[in-house]
Amino acid sequence: MVPSVITEQVMAHRIEMIAITDHNTGGNVEAFDRALKNRDITLLYGMEISTKEDVHVLLYFSDIITLKAFEKEVVRPALRNVEVDPEIYGYQLYVDERDNFTGMEESWLGQSLLLSLYQAVSAGRKFGALVVLSHIYRRFGLVYQLGFLPDDLPVSGVEVLSPEEEEEVRRIRNLTVIASSDAHHPEQIGRRKSLLRAYSRSFSELELAFAGEEGRSVSPLWD
């Protein structure tokens, strides 16, 4: 998905804040940031990593510099040099804000990193990221993969894909719960959303909302 397509879909769904969370890379985030700013849409600098246990984890960073540093210092050293046929697994392309292709990733980004779940969470927190467990009840989600939600895992929140899943999380843990599109195709953008109650669309306010500070909050917005 290129910037113009995502921008069109986001505007159609009246979304004001989104995250780009490609698997194991933040290489396209800067281009999308430039494109979305022209439409007054706030972008979260994100990435979705896959741990050694095949558990997906969302990371939201305060700025592009921190995201790039995390990729360079944590992700790339834990990424094996595995090459795949792009005709089978898809072309891993980098773009600019005008949808022009600027490069192609050679190493397969869909692989699991050489990092355990606890190592990944710890590394994310060290870089000041909001750490959110992806779609925990679906494939590659923590509960789906491991069967339980550890009490000692220091995450900022969890992502769910239905009201029933939200209810189940709230029954077992006192955690911030969000819903998001988890979109891999344009028509999937906006299929699930969260409502942010805060004083501005910023990372610092989102942090406070995840913590429930002074009336701020973030929670699923079900249709």
C-alpha atoms as a PDB file:
ATOM      1  CA  MET A   1       0.000   0.000   0.000  1.00  0.00           C
ATOM      2  CA  VAL A   2       1.404   3.354  -1.068  1.00  0.00           C
ATOM      3  CA  PRO A   3       0.884   6.701   0.724  1.00  0.00           C
ATOM      4  CA  SER A   4      -1.797   8.054  -1.619  1.00  0.00           C
ATOM      5  CA  VAL A   5      -3.960   4.941  -1.225  1.00  0.00           C
ATOM      6  CA  ILE A   6      -3.711   4.900   2.559  1.00  0.00           C
ATOM      7  CA  THR A   7      -4.347   8.637   2.776  1.00  0.00           C
ATOM      8  CA  GLU A   8      -7.484   8.287   0.664  1.00  0.00           C
ATOM      9  CA  GLN A   9      -8.844   5.482   2.830  1.00  0.00           C
ATOM     10  CA  VAL A  10      -7.994   7.220   6.100  1.00  0.00           C
ATOM     11  CA  MET A  11      -9.765  10.393   5.002  1.00  0.00           C
ATOM     12  CA  ALA A  12     -12.782   8.417   3.819  1.00  0.00           C
ATOM     13  CA  HIS A  13     -13.117   6.870   7.281  1.00  0.00           C
ATOM     14  CA  ARG A  14     -12.509  10.224   9.034  1.00  0.00           C
ATOM     15  CA  ILE A  15      -9.560   8.839  10.963  1.00  0.00           C
ATOM     16  CA  GLU A  16      -7.373  11.509  12.563  1.00  0.00           C
ATOM     17  CA  MET A  17      -4.484   9.433  13.912  1.00  0.00           C
ATOM     18  CA  ILE A  18      -2.995   6.247  12.488  1.00  0.00           C
ATOM     19  CA  ALA A  19       0.071   4.060  12.871  1.00  0.00           C
ATOM     20  CA  ILE A  20       2.145   2.463  10.136  1.00  0.00           C
ATOM     21  CA  THR A  21       3.474  -0.794  11.599  1.00  0.00           C
ATOM     22  CA  ASP A  22       5.250  -2.811   8.947  1.00  0.00           C
ATOM     23  CA  HIS A  23       6.744  -6.114  10.019  1.00  0.00           C
ATOM     24  CA  ASN A  24      10.263  -5.787  11.408  1.00  0.00           C
ATOM     25  CA  THR A  25      10.964  -2.461   9.685  1.00  0.00           C
ATOM     26  CA  GLY A  26      10.174   1.231   9.893  1.00  0.00           C
ATOM     27  CA  GLY A  27      11.620   1.934   6.472  1.00  0.00           C
ATOM     28  CA  ASN A  28       8.437   3.411   5.005  1.00  0.00           C
ATOM     29  CA  VAL A  29       7.243   5.408   7.994  1.00  0.00           C
ATOM     30  CA  GLU A  30       8.993   8.664   7.129  1.00  0.00           C
ATOM     31  CA  ALA A  31       7.474   8.788   3.642  1.00  0.00           C
ATOM     32  CA  PHE A  32       3.988   8.160   4.993  1.00  0.00           C
ATOM     33  CA  ASP A  33       4.515  10.813   7.656  1.00  0.00           C
ATOM     34  CA  ARG A  34       5.266  13.455   5.022  1.00  0.00           C
ATOM     35  CA  ALA A  35       2.256  12.433   2.934  1.00  0.00           C
ATOM     36  CA  LEU A  36      -0.204  12.367   5.832  1.00  0.00           C
ATOM     37  CA  LYS A  37       0.913  15.676   7.344  1.00  0.00           C
ATOM     38  CA  ASN A  38      -0.332  17.401   4.193  1.00  0.00           C
ATOM     39  CA  ARG A  39      -3.835  16.219   5.140  1.00  0.00           C
ATOM     40  CA  ASP A  40      -3.572  17.012   8.875  1.00  0.00           C
ATOM     41  CA  ILE A  41      -3.479  13.335   9.827  1.00  0.00           C
ATOM     42  CA  THR A  42      -1.237  12.412  12.740  1.00  0.00           C
ATOM     43  CA  LEU A  43       1.061   9.440  12.250  1.00  0.00           C
ATOM     44  CA  LEU A  44       2.395   7.243  15.024  1.00  0.00           C
ATOM     45  CA  TYR A  45       5.901   5.989  14.316  1.00  0.00           C
ATOM     46  CA  GLY A  46       5.434   2.276  14.629  1.00  0.00           C
ATOM     47  CA  MET A  47       6.608  -1.220  13.853  1.00  0.00           C
ATOM     48  CA  GLU A  48       5.240  -4.714  14.405  1.00  0.00           C
ATOM     49  CA  ILE A  49       7.887  -7.227  15.357  1.00  0.00           C
ATOM     50  CA  SER A  50       7.691 -10.988  15.462  1.00  0.00           C
ATOM     51  CA  THR A  51       9.419 -12.670  18.384  1.00  0.00           C
ATOM     52  CA  LYS A  52      11.206 -16.006  18.609  1.00  0.00           C
ATOM     53  CA  GLU A  53       7.916 -17.545  19.807  1.00  0.00           C
ATOM     54  CA  ASP A  54       6.111 -16.240  16.685  1.00  0.00           C
ATOM     55  CA  VAL A  55       4.263 -13.671  18.794  1.00  0.00           C
ATOM     56  CA  HIS A  56       3.521 -10.308  17.186  1.00  0.00           C
ATOM     57  CA  VAL A  57       4.181  -7.149  19.202  1.00  0.00           C
ATOM     58  CA  LEU A  58       3.286  -3.574  18.251  1.00  0.00           C
ATOM     59  CA  LEU A  59       5.693  -0.790  19.138  1.00  0.00           C
ATOM     60  CA  TYR A  60       4.848   2.915  18.967  1.00  0.00           C
ATOM     61  CA  PHE A  61       7.734   5.382  19.243  1.00  0.00           C
ATOM     62  CA  SER A  62       7.863   9.069  20.097  1.00  0.00           C
ATOM     63  CA  ASP A  63       9.713  10.112  16.933  1.00  0.00           C
ATOM     64  CA  ILE A  64      11.250   8.833  13.728  1.00  0.00           C
ATOM     65  CA  ILE A  65      14.816   9.067  15.072  1.00  0.00           C
ATOM     66  CA  THR A  66      14.018   6.694  17.923  1.00  0.00           C
ATOM     67  CA  LEU A  67      12.245   4.302  15.576  1.00  0.00           C
ATOM     68  CA  LYS A  68      15.258   4.212  13.251  1.00  0.00           C
ATOM     69  CA  ALA A  69      17.630   3.683  16.182  1.00  0.00           C
ATOM     70  CA  PHE A  70      15.520   0.776  17.451  1.00  0.00           C
ATOM     71  CA  GLU A  71      15.547  -0.852  14.036  1.00  0.00           C
ATOM     72  CA  LYS A  72      19.301  -0.399  13.654  1.00  0.00           C
ATOM     73  CA  GLU A  73      20.320  -1.474  17.159  1.00  0.00           C
ATOM     74  CA  VAL A  74      17.698  -4.102  18.023  1.00  0.00           C
ATOM     75  CA  VAL A  75      15.855  -5.422  14.979  1.00  0.00           C
ATOM     76  CA  ARG A  76      18.541  -5.682  12.307  1.00  0.00           C
ATOM     77  CA  PRO A  77      21.002  -7.652  14.486  1.00  0.00           C
ATOM     78  CA  ALA A  78      18.164 -10.080  15.289  1.00  0.00           C
ATOM     79  CA  LEU A  79      17.083 -10.484  11.661  1.00  0.00           C
ATOM     80  CA  ARG A  80      18.515 -13.489   9.856  1.00  0.00           C
ATOM     81  CA  ASN A  81      19.687 -13.108   6.283  1.00  0.00           C
ATOM     82  CA  VAL A  82      16.881 -15.117   4.729  1.00  0.00           C
ATOM     83  CA  GLU A  83      16.066 -14.426   1.097  1.00  0.00           C
ATOM     84  CA  VAL A  84      12.768 -15.475  -0.461  1.00  0.00           C
ATOM     85  CA  ASP A  85      11.200 -15.409  -3.912  1.00  0.00           C
ATOM     86  CA  PRO A  86       9.258 -12.124  -4.163  1.00  0.00           C
ATOM     87  CA  GLU A  87       6.971 -13.663  -6.770  1.00  0.00           C
ATOM     88  CA  ILE A  88       5.732 -16.009  -4.030  1.00  0.00           C
ATOM     89  CA  TYR A  89       6.034 -13.957  -0.840  1.00  0.00           C
ATOM     90  CA  GLY A  90       5.548 -10.481  -2.316  1.00  0.00           C
ATOM     91  CA  TYR A  91       7.879  -7.611  -3.101  1.00  0.00           C
ATOM     92  CA  GLN A  92       9.145  -5.740  -0.023  1.00  0.00           C
ATOM     93  CA  LEU A  93       9.311  -2.240  -1.433  1.00  0.00           C
ATOM     94  CA  TYR A  94      10.245   1.145  -0.006  1.00  0.00           C
ATOM     95  CA  VAL A  95       8.500   4.248  -1.313  1.00  0.00           C
ATOM     96  CA  ASP A  96       8.564   8.036  -1.052  1.00  0.00           C
ATOM     97  CA  GLU A  97       5.627  10.325  -0.242  1.00  0.00           C
ATOM     98  CA  ARG A  98       4.703  10.533  -3.945  1.00  0.00           C
ATOM     99  CA  ASP A  99       4.319   6.745  -4.274  1.00  0.00           C
ATOM    100  CA  ASN A 100       7.596   6.336  -6.140  1.00  0.00           C
ATOM    101  CA  PHE A 101       9.512   3.132  -5.385  1.00  0.00           C
ATOM    102  CA  THR A 102      12.909   3.908  -3.856  1.00  0.00           C
ATOM    103  CA  GLY A 103      14.265   0.475  -2.972  1.00  0.00           C
ATOM    104  CA  MET A 104      13.577  -3.151  -2.160  1.00  0.00           C
ATOM    105  CA  GLU A 105      14.324  -5.146   0.972  1.00  0.00           C
ATOM    106  CA  GLU A 106      16.278  -8.317   0.287  1.00  0.00           C
ATOM    107  CA  SER A 107      15.986 -10.046   3.676  1.00  0.00           C
ATOM    108  CA  TRP A 108      12.600 -11.590   4.395  1.00  0.00           C
ATOM    109  CA  LEU A 109      10.790  -9.306   6.863  1.00  0.00           C
ATOM    110  CA  GLY A 110       8.089 -11.846   7.658  1.00  0.00           C
ATOM    111  CA  GLN A 111      10.443 -13.988   9.719  1.00  0.00           C
ATOM    112  CA  SER A 112      10.651 -14.240  13.492  1.00  0.00           C
ATOM    113  CA  LEU A 113      13.444 -12.276  15.111  1.00  0.00           C
ATOM    114  CA  LEU A 114      16.123 -13.887  17.259  1.00  0.00           C
ATOM    115  CA  LEU A 115      14.540 -12.188  20.269  1.00  0.00           C
ATOM    116  CA  SER A 116      12.320 -13.749  22.899  1.00  0.00           C
ATOM    117  CA  LEU A 117       9.039 -12.100  23.841  1.00  0.00           C
ATOM    118  CA  TYR A 118      10.512 -10.761  27.086  1.00  0.00           C
ATOM    119  CA  GLN A 119      13.618  -9.478  25.297  1.00  0.00           C
ATOM    120  CA  ALA A 120      11.499  -7.703  22.699  1.00  0.00           C
ATOM    121  CA  VAL A 121       9.265  -6.058  25.289  1.00  0.00           C
ATOM    122  CA  SER A 122      12.264  -5.012  27.375  1.00  0.00           C
ATOM    123  CA  ALA A 123      14.014  -3.533  24.339  1.00  0.00           C
ATOM    124  CA  GLY A 124      10.923  -1.600  23.324  1.00  0.00           C
ATOM    125  CA  ARG A 125      10.537  -0.119  26.793  1.00  0.00           C
ATOM    126  CA  LYS A 126      14.233   0.803  26.853  1.00  0.00           C
ATOM    127  CA  PHE A 127      13.608   2.947  23.749  1.00  0.00           C
ATOM    128  CA  GLY A 128      10.576   4.562  25.362  1.00  0.00           C
ATOM    129  CA  ALA A 129       8.035   2.801  23.158  1.00  0.00           C
ATOM    130  CA  LEU A 130       4.449   2.008  23.939  1.00  0.00           C
ATOM    131  CA  VAL A 131       4.442  -1.793  23.768  1.00  0.00           C
ATOM    132  CA  VAL A 132       1.156  -3.396  22.732  1.00  0.00           C
ATOM    133  CA  LEU A 133       0.528  -7.099  22.217  1.00  0.00           C
ATOM    134  CA  SER A 134      -0.986  -7.613  18.754  1.00  0.00           C
ATOM    135  CA  HIS A 135      -4.359  -9.332  18.155  1.00  0.00           C
ATOM    136  CA  ILE A 136      -3.791 -11.565  21.149  1.00  0.00           C
ATOM    137  CA  TYR A 137      -6.564 -14.101  20.425  1.00  0.00           C
ATOM    138  CA  ARG A 138      -5.773 -14.549  16.725  1.00  0.00           C
ATOM    139  CA  ARG A 139      -2.940 -16.218  14.814  1.00  0.00           C
ATOM    140  CA  PHE A 140       0.455 -14.879  15.934  1.00  0.00           C
ATOM    141  CA  GLY A 141      -1.188 -13.277  18.973  1.00  0.00           C
ATOM    142  CA  LEU A 142       0.165 -14.058  22.436  1.00  0.00           C
ATOM    143  CA  VAL A 143      -2.785 -16.029  23.806  1.00  0.00           C
ATOM    144  CA  TYR A 144      -3.266 -17.879  20.523  1.00  0.00           C
ATOM    145  CA  GLN A 145       0.420 -18.859  20.392  1.00  0.00           C
ATOM    146  CA  LEU A 146       1.178 -19.539  24.062  1.00  0.00           C
ATOM    147  CA  GLY A 147      -2.263 -20.089  25.570  1.00  0.00           C
ATOM    148  CA  PHE A 148      -2.116 -17.475  28.319  1.00  0.00           C
ATOM    149  CA  LEU A 149      -1.358 -13.843  29.169  1.00  0.00           C
ATOM    150  CA  PRO A 150       1.601 -13.631  31.594  1.00  0.00           C
ATOM    151  CA  ASP A 151       1.088 -11.453  34.664  1.00  0.00           C
ATOM    152  CA  ASP A 152       4.710 -10.276  34.704  1.00  0.00           C
ATOM    153  CA  LEU A 153       4.944  -9.033  31.101  1.00  0.00           C
ATOM    154  CA  PRO A 154       5.331  -5.217  31.326  1.00  0.00           C
ATOM    155  CA  VAL A 155       3.295  -4.082  28.317  1.00  0.00           C
ATOM    156  CA  SER A 156       1.356  -0.872  27.771  1.00  0.00           C
ATOM    157  CA  GLY A 157      -1.742  -2.651  26.481  1.00  0.00           C
ATOM    158  CA  VAL A 158      -3.211  -5.285  24.200  1.00  0.00           C
ATOM    159  CA  GLU A 159      -4.964  -5.234  20.850  1.00  0.00           C
ATOM    160  CA  VAL A 160      -8.255  -7.064  20.302  1.00  0.00           C
ATOM    161  CA  LEU A 161     -10.401  -7.543  17.213  1.00  0.00           C
ATOM    162  CA  SER A 162     -13.914  -7.888  18.655  1.00  0.00           C
ATOM    163  CA  PRO A 163     -16.071  -6.797  21.619  1.00  0.00           C
ATOM    164  CA  GLU A 164     -16.014 -10.366  22.906  1.00  0.00           C
ATOM    165  CA  GLU A 165     -12.227 -10.363  22.987  1.00  0.00           C
ATOM    166  CA  GLU A 166     -12.229  -7.030  24.819  1.00  0.00           C
ATOM    167  CA  GLU A 167     -14.595  -8.441  27.428  1.00  0.00           C
ATOM    168  CA  GLU A 168     -12.364 -11.486  27.938  1.00  0.00           C
ATOM    169  CA  VAL A 169      -9.225  -9.351  28.454  1.00  0.00           C
ATOM    170  CA  ARG A 170     -10.957  -7.127  30.987  1.00  0.00           C
ATOM    171  CA  ARG A 171     -12.104 -10.242  32.842  1.00  0.00           C
ATOM    172  CA  ILE A 172      -8.561 -11.566  33.342  1.00  0.00           C
ATOM    173  CA  ARG A 173      -6.270  -8.491  33.420  1.00  0.00           C
ATOM    174  CA  ASN A 174      -6.456  -4.793  34.187  1.00  0.00           C
ATOM    175  CA  LEU A 175      -4.862  -3.627  30.929  1.00  0.00           C
ATOM    176  CA  THR A 176      -5.489  -0.890  28.398  1.00  0.00           C
ATOM    177  CA  VAL A 177      -7.280  -2.387  25.400  1.00  0.00           C
ATOM    178  CA  ILE A 178      -7.259  -1.014  21.862  1.00  0.00           C
ATOM    179  CA  ALA A 179      -8.731  -2.068  18.540  1.00  0.00           C
ATOM    180  CA  SER A 180      -7.182  -1.341  15.164  1.00  0.00           C
ATOM    181  CA  SER A 181      -7.595  -2.287  11.529  1.00  0.00           C
ATOM    182  CA  ASP A 182      -4.575  -4.590  11.295  1.00  0.00           C
ATOM    183  CA  ALA A 183      -4.968  -3.759   7.624  1.00  0.00           C
ATOM    184  CA  HIS A 184      -2.945  -5.581   4.989  1.00  0.00           C
ATOM    185  CA  HIS A 185      -5.106  -4.327   2.117  1.00  0.00           C
ATOM    186  CA  PRO A 186      -6.661  -0.878   1.463  1.00  0.00           C
ATOM    187  CA  GLU A 187     -10.265  -2.021   1.927  1.00  0.00           C
ATOM    188  CA  GLN A 188      -9.405  -3.202   5.463  1.00  0.00           C
ATOM    189  CA  ILE A 189      -8.456   0.281   6.683  1.00  0.00           C
ATOM    190  CA  GLY A 190     -10.994   1.595   9.168  1.00  0.00           C
ATOM    191  CA  ARG A 191     -12.695  -1.725   9.813  1.00  0.00           C
ATOM    192  CA  ARG A 192     -11.829  -1.335  13.503  1.00  0.00           C
ATOM    193  CA  LYS A 193     -10.949   1.848  15.390  1.00  0.00           C
ATOM    194  CA  SER A 194     -10.103   3.167  18.837  1.00  0.00           C
ATOM    195  CA  LEU A 195     -11.251   6.373  20.501  1.00  0.00           C
ATOM    196  CA  LEU A 196      -8.550   8.559  22.028  1.00  0.00           C
ATOM    197  CA  ARG A 197      -9.687  10.949  24.740  1.00  0.00           C
ATOM    198  CA  ALA A 198      -6.823  13.406  25.171  1.00  0.00           C
ATOM    199  CA  TYR A 199      -5.854  17.054  24.820  1.00  0.00           C
ATOM    200  CA  SER A 200      -4.025  16.622  21.517  1.00  0.00           C
ATOM    201  CA  ARG A 201      -3.060  14.058  18.897  1.00  0.00           C
ATOM    202  CA  SER A 202       0.475  13.447  20.109  1.00  0.00           C
ATOM    203  CA  PHE A 203       2.605  10.607  21.381  1.00  0.00           C
ATOM    204  CA  SER A 204       2.920  12.194  24.830  1.00  0.00           C
ATOM    205  CA  GLU A 205      -0.859  12.447  25.153  1.00  0.00           C
ATOM    206  CA  LEU A 206      -1.268   8.895  23.896  1.00  0.00           C
ATOM    207  CA  GLU A 207       1.151   7.719  26.575  1.00  0.00           C
ATOM    208  CA  LEU A 208      -0.945   9.432  29.225  1.00  0.00           C
ATOM    209  CA  ALA A 209      -4.108   7.960  27.727  1.00  0.00           C
ATOM    210  CA  PHE A 210      -2.684   4.429  27.898  1.00  0.00           C
ATOM    211  CA  ALA A 211      -1.914   5.110  31.556  1.00  0.00           C
ATOM    212  CA  GLY A 212      -5.381   6.580  32.186  1.00  0.00           C
ATOM    213  CA  GLU A 213      -3.968   9.834  33.524  1.00  0.00           C
ATOM    214  CA  GLU A 214      -6.284  12.716  34.470  1.00  0.00           C
ATOM    215  CA  GLY A 215      -9.286  11.619  32.482  1.00  0.00           C
ATOM    216  CA  ARG A 216      -7.390  10.589  29.370  1.00  0.00           C
ATOM    217  CA  SER A 217      -8.125   7.207  27.856  1.00  0.00           C
ATOM    218  CA  VAL A 218      -7.956   5.079  24.755  1.00  0.00           C
ATOM    219  CA  SER A 219     -10.384   2.246  24.090  1.00  0.00           C
ATOM    220  CA  PRO A 220     -12.029   0.316  21.236  1.00  0.00           C
ATOM    221  CA  LEU A 221     -14.761   2.085  19.270  1.00  0.00           C
ATOM    222  CA  TRP A 222     -17.096  -0.618  18.079  1.00  0.00           C
ATOM    223  CA  ASP A 223     -19.697   0.023  15.374  1.00  0.00           C
END
